[in-house]
Amino acid sequence: QVQLVESGGGLVQPGGSLRLSCATSGRDFSRYAMGWYRQAPGKQRELVATITSSGSTNYADSVKGRFTISRDNAKNTVYLQMNSLIPEDTAVYSCNAFNSVYTYWGQGTQVTVSS
């Protein structure tokens, strides 16, 4: 019912910036909370940031002060602005949408931070 497509990943040097986008389709986008997660090889998927339907945000300690999550309900899109990137940020980043009944996942976009 809800489809999510991430974009904006790529290769960036340490200290650089990148903005990820997650475009969604489906009904009632504005009612869903949204999140960004990441998974590096050999590691479990970890929460990066979430944003509620009302705009409240939370961040993992590892990205707080460097990353910003936002949403544009008119465009059915959630963003992740990533600044001051470090090699440890290298991972596949996925967005999700969730409510009390369902959770939907995108396929992910690769972010590589390397010189």
C-alpha atoms as a PDB file:
ATOM      1  CA  GLN A   1       0.000   0.000   0.000  1.00  0.00           C
ATOM      2  CA  VAL A   2       2.917   2.334   0.688  1.00  0.00           C
ATOM      3  CA  GLN A   3       6.013   2.381  -1.503  1.00  0.00           C
ATOM      4  CA  LEU A   4       9.211   4.202  -0.635  1.00  0.00           C
ATOM      5  CA  VAL A   5      12.133   5.021  -2.915  1.00  0.00           C
ATOM      6  CA  GLU A   6      15.382   6.444  -1.565  1.00  0.00           C
ATOM      7  CA  SER A   7      17.786   8.569  -3.566  1.00  0.00           C
ATOM      8  CA  GLY A   8      20.757  10.854  -3.054  1.00  0.00           C
ATOM      9  CA  GLY A   9      23.374   8.367  -1.933  1.00  0.00           C
ATOM     10  CA  GLY A  10      26.869   8.244  -3.331  1.00  0.00           C
ATOM     11  CA  LEU A  11      30.539   8.716  -2.588  1.00  0.00           C
ATOM     12  CA  VAL A  12      31.599  11.682  -0.489  1.00  0.00           C
ATOM     13  CA  GLN A  13      34.838  12.699   1.216  1.00  0.00           C
ATOM     14  CA  PRO A  14      35.111  12.932   4.999  1.00  0.00           C
ATOM     15  CA  GLY A  15      33.753  16.255   6.178  1.00  0.00           C
ATOM     16  CA  GLY A  16      31.428  16.498   3.225  1.00  0.00           C
ATOM     17  CA  SER A  17      27.656  16.661   3.049  1.00  0.00           C
ATOM     18  CA  LEU A  18      24.925  14.663   1.415  1.00  0.00           C
ATOM     19  CA  ARG A  19      21.140  14.903   1.342  1.00  0.00           C
ATOM     20  CA  LEU A  20      19.035  11.780   1.063  1.00  0.00           C
ATOM     21  CA  SER A  21      15.449  11.822  -0.137  1.00  0.00           C
ATOM     22  CA  CYS A  22      12.706   9.277   0.361  1.00  0.00           C
ATOM     23  CA  ALA A  23       9.781   9.661  -1.989  1.00  0.00           C
ATOM     24  CA  THR A  24       6.623   7.825  -1.026  1.00  0.00           C
ATOM     25  CA  SER A  25       3.404   6.791  -2.665  1.00  0.00           C
ATOM     26  CA  GLY A  26       0.239   5.582  -1.053  1.00  0.00           C
ATOM     27  CA  ARG A  27      -2.535   6.847   1.098  1.00  0.00           C
ATOM     28  CA  ASP A  28      -2.319   8.913   4.256  1.00  0.00           C
ATOM     29  CA  PHE A  29       1.373   9.779   4.149  1.00  0.00           C
ATOM     30  CA  SER A  30       0.893  12.604   6.632  1.00  0.00           C
ATOM     31  CA  ARG A  31      -0.426  10.150   9.227  1.00  0.00           C
ATOM     32  CA  TYR A  32       2.742   8.031   9.265  1.00  0.00           C
ATOM     33  CA  ALA A  33       5.774   8.506  11.372  1.00  0.00           C
ATOM     34  CA  MET A  34       8.941   8.284   9.279  1.00  0.00           C
ATOM     35  CA  GLY A  35      12.426   7.098  10.004  1.00  0.00           C
ATOM     36  CA  TRP A  36      15.882   6.695   8.551  1.00  0.00           C
ATOM     37  CA  TYR A  37      17.924   3.604   9.342  1.00  0.00           C
ATOM     38  CA  ARG A  38      21.307   2.404   8.216  1.00  0.00           C
ATOM     39  CA  GLN A  39      23.084  -0.913   7.984  1.00  0.00           C
ATOM     40  CA  ALA A  40      26.781  -1.457   7.458  1.00  0.00           C
ATOM     41  CA  PRO A  41      28.210  -4.823   6.336  1.00  0.00           C
ATOM     42  CA  GLY A  42      28.225  -7.313   9.190  1.00  0.00           C
ATOM     43  CA  LYS A  43      26.201  -5.071  11.467  1.00  0.00           C
ATOM     44  CA  GLN A  44      22.595  -4.874  12.543  1.00  0.00           C
ATOM     45  CA  ARG A  45      20.352  -2.197  11.177  1.00  0.00           C
ATOM     46  CA  GLU A  46      20.418   0.820  13.452  1.00  0.00           C
ATOM     47  CA  LEU A  47      18.103   3.741  13.917  1.00  0.00           C
ATOM     48  CA  VAL A  48      19.429   7.056  12.659  1.00  0.00           C
ATOM     49  CA  ALA A  49      16.515   9.458  13.068  1.00  0.00           C
ATOM     50  CA  THR A  50      12.740   9.576  13.282  1.00  0.00           C
ATOM     51  CA  ILE A  51      10.119  12.209  12.717  1.00  0.00           C
ATOM     52  CA  THR A  52       6.507  12.000  13.812  1.00  0.00           C
ATOM     53  CA  SER A  53       3.456  13.103  11.885  1.00  0.00           C
ATOM     54  CA  SER A  54       3.512  16.332  13.891  1.00  0.00           C
ATOM     55  CA  GLY A  55       7.183  17.014  13.191  1.00  0.00           C
ATOM     56  CA  SER A  56       8.858  15.930  16.421  1.00  0.00           C
ATOM     57  CA  THR A  57      12.326  14.486  15.820  1.00  0.00           C
ATOM     58  CA  ASN A  58      14.756  12.147  17.534  1.00  0.00           C
ATOM     59  CA  TYR A  59      18.322  11.211  16.634  1.00  0.00           C
ATOM     60  CA  ALA A  60      20.855   8.587  17.455  1.00  0.00           C
ATOM     61  CA  ASP A  61      23.650   9.971  19.610  1.00  0.00           C
ATOM     62  CA  SER A  62      26.169   9.137  16.907  1.00  0.00           C
ATOM     63  CA  VAL A  63      24.585  11.559  14.436  1.00  0.00           C
ATOM     64  CA  LYS A  64      23.104  14.208  16.703  1.00  0.00           C
ATOM     65  CA  GLY A  65      24.246  17.650  15.659  1.00  0.00           C
ATOM     66  CA  ARG A  66      25.363  16.427  12.245  1.00  0.00           C
ATOM     67  CA  PHE A  67      22.199  14.981  10.660  1.00  0.00           C
ATOM     68  CA  THR A  68      18.766  16.558  10.264  1.00  0.00           C
ATOM     69  CA  ILE A  69      15.568  14.736   9.380  1.00  0.00           C
ATOM     70  CA  SER A  70      12.655  16.633   7.874  1.00  0.00           C
ATOM     71  CA  ARG A  71       9.477  15.952   5.963  1.00  0.00           C
ATOM     72  CA  ASP A  72       7.433  17.709   3.331  1.00  0.00           C
ATOM     73  CA  ASN A  73       3.915  16.354   3.494  1.00  0.00           C
ATOM     74  CA  ALA A  74       2.880  18.237   0.361  1.00  0.00           C
ATOM     75  CA  LYS A  75       5.519  16.286  -1.579  1.00  0.00           C
ATOM     76  CA  ASN A  76       5.109  13.011   0.345  1.00  0.00           C
ATOM     77  CA  THR A  77       8.847  13.074   0.941  1.00  0.00           C
ATOM     78  CA  VAL A  78      11.175  12.746   3.907  1.00  0.00           C
ATOM     79  CA  TYR A  79      14.774  13.986   3.857  1.00  0.00           C
ATOM     80  CA  LEU A  80      17.977  13.318   5.718  1.00  0.00           C
ATOM     81  CA  GLN A  81      20.554  16.092   5.564  1.00  0.00           C
ATOM     82  CA  MET A  82      23.962  14.707   6.515  1.00  0.00           C
ATOM     83  CA  ASN A  83      26.826  17.056   7.347  1.00  0.00           C
ATOM     84  CA  SER A  84      30.349  16.527   8.658  1.00  0.00           C
ATOM     85  CA  LEU A  85      30.348  12.981   7.354  1.00  0.00           C
ATOM     86  CA  ILE A  86      32.862  10.484   8.690  1.00  0.00           C
ATOM     87  CA  PRO A  87      33.865   7.048   7.374  1.00  0.00           C
ATOM     88  CA  GLU A  88      31.798   5.383  10.105  1.00  0.00           C
ATOM     89  CA  ASP A  89      28.688   6.771   8.405  1.00  0.00           C
ATOM     90  CA  THR A  90      29.260   4.411   5.470  1.00  0.00           C
ATOM     91  CA  ALA A  91      26.192   2.178   5.156  1.00  0.00           C
ATOM     92  CA  VAL A  92      23.065   1.459   3.204  1.00  0.00           C
ATOM     93  CA  TYR A  93      20.482   3.985   4.318  1.00  0.00           C
ATOM     94  CA  SER A  94      16.812   3.027   4.247  1.00  0.00           C
ATOM     95  CA  CYS A  95      13.702   4.972   5.057  1.00  0.00           C
ATOM     96  CA  ASN A  96      10.578   3.573   6.592  1.00  0.00           C
ATOM     97  CA  ALA A  97       7.023   4.565   7.315  1.00  0.00           C
ATOM     98  CA  PHE A  98       5.109   3.154  10.240  1.00  0.00           C
ATOM     99  CA  ASN A  99       1.919   3.370  12.198  1.00  0.00           C
ATOM    100  CA  SER A 100       0.261   1.141  14.769  1.00  0.00           C
ATOM    101  CA  VAL A 101      -0.461  -1.571  12.199  1.00  0.00           C
ATOM    102  CA  TYR A 102       2.109  -1.567   9.396  1.00  0.00           C
ATOM    103  CA  THR A 103       5.744  -0.830   8.717  1.00  0.00           C
ATOM    104  CA  TYR A 104       7.027  -0.215   5.188  1.00  0.00           C
ATOM    105  CA  TRP A 105      10.621  -0.167   3.986  1.00  0.00           C
ATOM    106  CA  GLY A 106      12.416   1.220   0.992  1.00  0.00           C
ATOM    107  CA  GLN A 107      15.206  -0.663  -0.775  1.00  0.00           C
ATOM    108  CA  GLY A 108      17.943   1.627   0.453  1.00  0.00           C
ATOM    109  CA  THR A 109      20.643   3.846  -0.992  1.00  0.00           C
ATOM    110  CA  GLN A 110      24.390   3.407  -0.534  1.00  0.00           C
ATOM    111  CA  VAL A 111      26.387   6.094   1.226  1.00  0.00           C
ATOM    112  CA  THR A 112      30.162   5.764   1.157  1.00  0.00           C
ATOM    113  CA  VAL A 113      32.399   8.196   3.030  1.00  0.00           C
ATOM    114  CA  SER A 114      35.982   7.801   1.901  1.00  0.00           C
ATOM    115  CA  SER A 115      38.939   9.789   0.680  1.00  0.00           C
END
